[in-house]
Amino acid sequence: QVQLVESGGGLVQAGGSLRLACAASGISFSRNDMAWYRQAPGKQRELVALIRRSGTTNYVDSVKGRFTISRDTAKSTVYLQMNSLKPEDTAVYYCKADGGWRAYWGQGTQVTVSS
């Protein structure tokens, strides 16, 4: 059974920080690219950060310098450290595992940034 469980979301004031975690089970964690997406109300789902099997990372321009994606293969967990949060970061954040031929999604965790 494949399962991705996000945690760490919540309500934070602008300028604050949150650390999201995605615990994966049922997959070979080291053989999957891992990513964080977000979806704000009325908007399309957006790729926020990606970490490939090689370790290469990519970020959407709007979060560069503020967010950091990392992974702990021993714990089968991917993290998203979110600093200097802005109201426009408010969204449901989703974890995604991509093995190249099939992808899996978590249920999402709500991040709300107040002004």
C-alpha atoms as a PDB file:
ATOM      1  CA  GLN A   1       0.000   0.000   0.000  1.00  0.00           C
ATOM      2  CA  VAL A   2       1.433   3.343  -1.085  1.00  0.00           C
ATOM      3  CA  GLN A   3       0.901   6.157   1.368  1.00  0.00           C
ATOM      4  CA  LEU A   4       2.152   9.730   1.515  1.00  0.00           C
ATOM      5  CA  VAL A   5       1.236  11.625   4.675  1.00  0.00           C
ATOM      6  CA  GLU A   6       1.875  15.352   4.959  1.00  0.00           C
ATOM      7  CA  SER A   7       2.191  17.181   8.247  1.00  0.00           C
ATOM      8  CA  GLY A   8       3.377  20.499   9.624  1.00  0.00           C
ATOM      9  CA  GLY A   9       0.846  22.862   8.129  1.00  0.00           C
ATOM     10  CA  GLY A  10      -0.956  25.485  10.127  1.00  0.00           C
ATOM     11  CA  LEU A  11      -1.603  29.164  10.650  1.00  0.00           C
ATOM     12  CA  VAL A  12       1.342  31.533  10.750  1.00  0.00           C
ATOM     13  CA  GLN A  13       1.830  35.280  10.488  1.00  0.00           C
ATOM     14  CA  ALA A  14       3.595  36.845   7.533  1.00  0.00           C
ATOM     15  CA  GLY A  15       7.341  36.577   7.979  1.00  0.00           C
ATOM     16  CA  GLY A  16       7.081  33.388   9.986  1.00  0.00           C
ATOM     17  CA  SER A  17       8.263  29.875   9.229  1.00  0.00           C
ATOM     18  CA  LEU A  18       6.856  26.384   8.903  1.00  0.00           C
ATOM     19  CA  ARG A  19       8.419  23.022   8.194  1.00  0.00           C
ATOM     20  CA  LEU A  20       6.333  20.553   6.244  1.00  0.00           C
ATOM     21  CA  ALA A  21       7.061  16.835   6.265  1.00  0.00           C
ATOM     22  CA  CYS A  22       5.912  14.053   3.970  1.00  0.00           C
ATOM     23  CA  ALA A  23       6.361  10.508   5.218  1.00  0.00           C
ATOM     24  CA  ALA A  24       6.289   7.894   2.468  1.00  0.00           C
ATOM     25  CA  SER A  25       5.578   4.195   2.705  1.00  0.00           C
ATOM     26  CA  GLY A  26       4.979   1.447   0.172  1.00  0.00           C
ATOM     27  CA  ILE A  27       7.471   2.834  -2.348  1.00  0.00           C
ATOM     28  CA  SER A  28      11.190   2.664  -2.900  1.00  0.00           C
ATOM     29  CA  PHE A  29      11.871   6.145  -1.620  1.00  0.00           C
ATOM     30  CA  SER A  30      15.346   6.477  -3.094  1.00  0.00           C
ATOM     31  CA  ARG A  31      14.072   5.591  -6.567  1.00  0.00           C
ATOM     32  CA  ASN A  32      11.477   8.359  -6.677  1.00  0.00           C
ATOM     33  CA  ASP A  33      11.704  12.041  -7.381  1.00  0.00           C
ATOM     34  CA  MET A  34       9.885  13.908  -4.623  1.00  0.00           C
ATOM     35  CA  ALA A  35       8.069  17.188  -4.971  1.00  0.00           C
ATOM     36  CA  TRP A  36       5.873  19.673  -3.187  1.00  0.00           C
ATOM     37  CA  TYR A  37       2.921  21.247  -4.951  1.00  0.00           C
ATOM     38  CA  ARG A  38       0.404  23.764  -3.713  1.00  0.00           C
ATOM     39  CA  GLN A  39      -3.083  24.797  -4.690  1.00  0.00           C
ATOM     40  CA  ALA A  40      -4.709  28.027  -3.591  1.00  0.00           C
ATOM     41  CA  PRO A  41      -8.479  28.551  -3.763  1.00  0.00           C
ATOM     42  CA  GLY A  42      -9.601  29.105  -7.343  1.00  0.00           C
ATOM     43  CA  LYS A  43      -6.135  28.455  -8.766  1.00  0.00           C
ATOM     44  CA  GLN A  44      -4.428  25.557 -10.498  1.00  0.00           C
ATOM     45  CA  ARG A  45      -2.070  23.257  -8.669  1.00  0.00           C
ATOM     46  CA  GLU A  46       1.485  24.589  -8.877  1.00  0.00           C
ATOM     47  CA  LEU A  47       4.848  22.870  -8.565  1.00  0.00           C
ATOM     48  CA  VAL A  48       6.688  24.540  -5.696  1.00  0.00           C
ATOM     49  CA  ALA A  49       9.835  22.478  -5.166  1.00  0.00           C
ATOM     50  CA  LEU A  50      11.383  19.326  -6.573  1.00  0.00           C
ATOM     51  CA  ILE A  51      14.203  17.089  -5.430  1.00  0.00           C
ATOM     52  CA  ARG A  52      15.337  14.459  -7.884  1.00  0.00           C
ATOM     53  CA  ARG A  53      16.921  11.101  -7.171  1.00  0.00           C
ATOM     54  CA  SER A  54      20.242  12.672  -8.102  1.00  0.00           C
ATOM     55  CA  GLY A  55      19.798  15.324  -5.412  1.00  0.00           C
ATOM     56  CA  THR A  56      19.199  18.173  -7.837  1.00  0.00           C
ATOM     57  CA  THR A  57      16.607  20.661  -6.592  1.00  0.00           C
ATOM     58  CA  ASN A  58      14.368  23.134  -8.389  1.00  0.00           C
ATOM     59  CA  TYR A  59      11.999  25.809  -7.136  1.00  0.00           C
ATOM     60  CA  VAL A  60       9.316  28.003  -8.558  1.00  0.00           C
ATOM     61  CA  ASP A  61      10.632  31.558  -8.832  1.00  0.00           C
ATOM     62  CA  SER A  62       8.251  32.924  -6.212  1.00  0.00           C
ATOM     63  CA  VAL A  63       9.793  30.814  -3.412  1.00  0.00           C
ATOM     64  CA  LYS A  64      13.473  30.859  -4.357  1.00  0.00           C
ATOM     65  CA  GLY A  65      15.601  31.933  -1.430  1.00  0.00           C
ATOM     66  CA  ARG A  66      12.782  31.298   1.041  1.00  0.00           C
ATOM     67  CA  PHE A  67      11.911  27.595   0.733  1.00  0.00           C
ATOM     68  CA  THR A  68      14.226  24.596   0.912  1.00  0.00           C
ATOM     69  CA  ILE A  69      13.345  21.033  -0.038  1.00  0.00           C
ATOM     70  CA  SER A  70      15.310  18.174   1.482  1.00  0.00           C
ATOM     71  CA  ARG A  71      14.951  14.472   2.119  1.00  0.00           C
ATOM     72  CA  ASP A  72      15.994  11.880   4.648  1.00  0.00           C
ATOM     73  CA  THR A  73      16.167   8.519   2.913  1.00  0.00           C
ATOM     74  CA  ALA A  74      16.597   6.630   6.197  1.00  0.00           C
ATOM     75  CA  LYS A  75      13.235   8.008   7.338  1.00  0.00           C
ATOM     76  CA  SER A  76      11.618   7.950   3.869  1.00  0.00           C
ATOM     77  CA  THR A  77      10.627  11.546   4.490  1.00  0.00           C
ATOM     78  CA  VAL A  78      10.820  14.686   2.394  1.00  0.00           C
ATOM     79  CA  TYR A  79      10.691  18.130   3.990  1.00  0.00           C
ATOM     80  CA  LEU A  80       9.861  21.635   2.903  1.00  0.00           C
ATOM     81  CA  GLN A  81      11.342  24.357   5.084  1.00  0.00           C
ATOM     82  CA  MET A  82       9.333  27.517   4.494  1.00  0.00           C
ATOM     83  CA  ASN A  83      10.784  30.805   5.720  1.00  0.00           C
ATOM     84  CA  SER A  84       9.706  34.419   5.319  1.00  0.00           C
ATOM     85  CA  LEU A  85       6.188  33.307   4.555  1.00  0.00           C
ATOM     86  CA  LYS A  86       3.877  35.623   2.663  1.00  0.00           C
ATOM     87  CA  PRO A  87       0.074  35.700   2.455  1.00  0.00           C
ATOM     88  CA  GLU A  88       0.332  34.575  -1.161  1.00  0.00           C
ATOM     89  CA  ASP A  89       1.888  31.316   0.076  1.00  0.00           C
ATOM     90  CA  THR A  90      -1.490  30.369   1.529  1.00  0.00           C
ATOM     91  CA  ALA A  91      -2.573  27.094  -0.057  1.00  0.00           C
ATOM     92  CA  VAL A  92      -3.001  23.403   0.467  1.00  0.00           C
ATOM     93  CA  TYR A  93       0.423  21.814   0.063  1.00  0.00           C
ATOM     94  CA  TYR A  94       0.679  18.350  -1.465  1.00  0.00           C
ATOM     95  CA  CYS A  95       3.502  15.843  -1.507  1.00  0.00           C
ATOM     96  CA  LYS A  96       4.167  13.880  -4.710  1.00  0.00           C
ATOM     97  CA  ALA A  97       6.315  10.837  -5.402  1.00  0.00           C
ATOM     98  CA  ASP A  98       7.281  10.218  -9.023  1.00  0.00           C
ATOM     99  CA  GLY A  99       9.031   7.036 -10.086  1.00  0.00           C
ATOM    100  CA  GLY A 100       9.065   7.987 -13.758  1.00  0.00           C
ATOM    101  CA  TRP A 101       6.182   5.761 -14.767  1.00  0.00           C
ATOM    102  CA  ARG A 102       3.690   6.384 -11.976  1.00  0.00           C
ATOM    103  CA  ALA A 103       3.062   9.141  -9.474  1.00  0.00           C
ATOM    104  CA  TYR A 104       1.440   9.187  -6.046  1.00  0.00           C
ATOM    105  CA  TRP A 105      -0.072  12.073  -4.109  1.00  0.00           C
ATOM    106  CA  GLY A 106      -0.641  12.811  -0.476  1.00  0.00           C
ATOM    107  CA  GLN A 107      -3.871  14.239   0.906  1.00  0.00           C
ATOM    108  CA  GLY A 108      -2.442  17.684   1.512  1.00  0.00           C
ATOM    109  CA  THR A 109      -1.848  19.965   4.467  1.00  0.00           C
ATOM    110  CA  GLN A 110      -3.237  23.474   4.831  1.00  0.00           C
ATOM    111  CA  VAL A 111      -0.860  26.411   5.147  1.00  0.00           C
ATOM    112  CA  THR A 112      -2.420  29.760   5.990  1.00  0.00           C
ATOM    113  CA  VAL A 113      -0.332  32.921   6.217  1.00  0.00           C
ATOM    114  CA  SER A 114      -2.039  35.906   7.780  1.00  0.00           C
ATOM    115  CA  SER A 115      -1.176  39.542   7.174  1.00  0.00           C
END
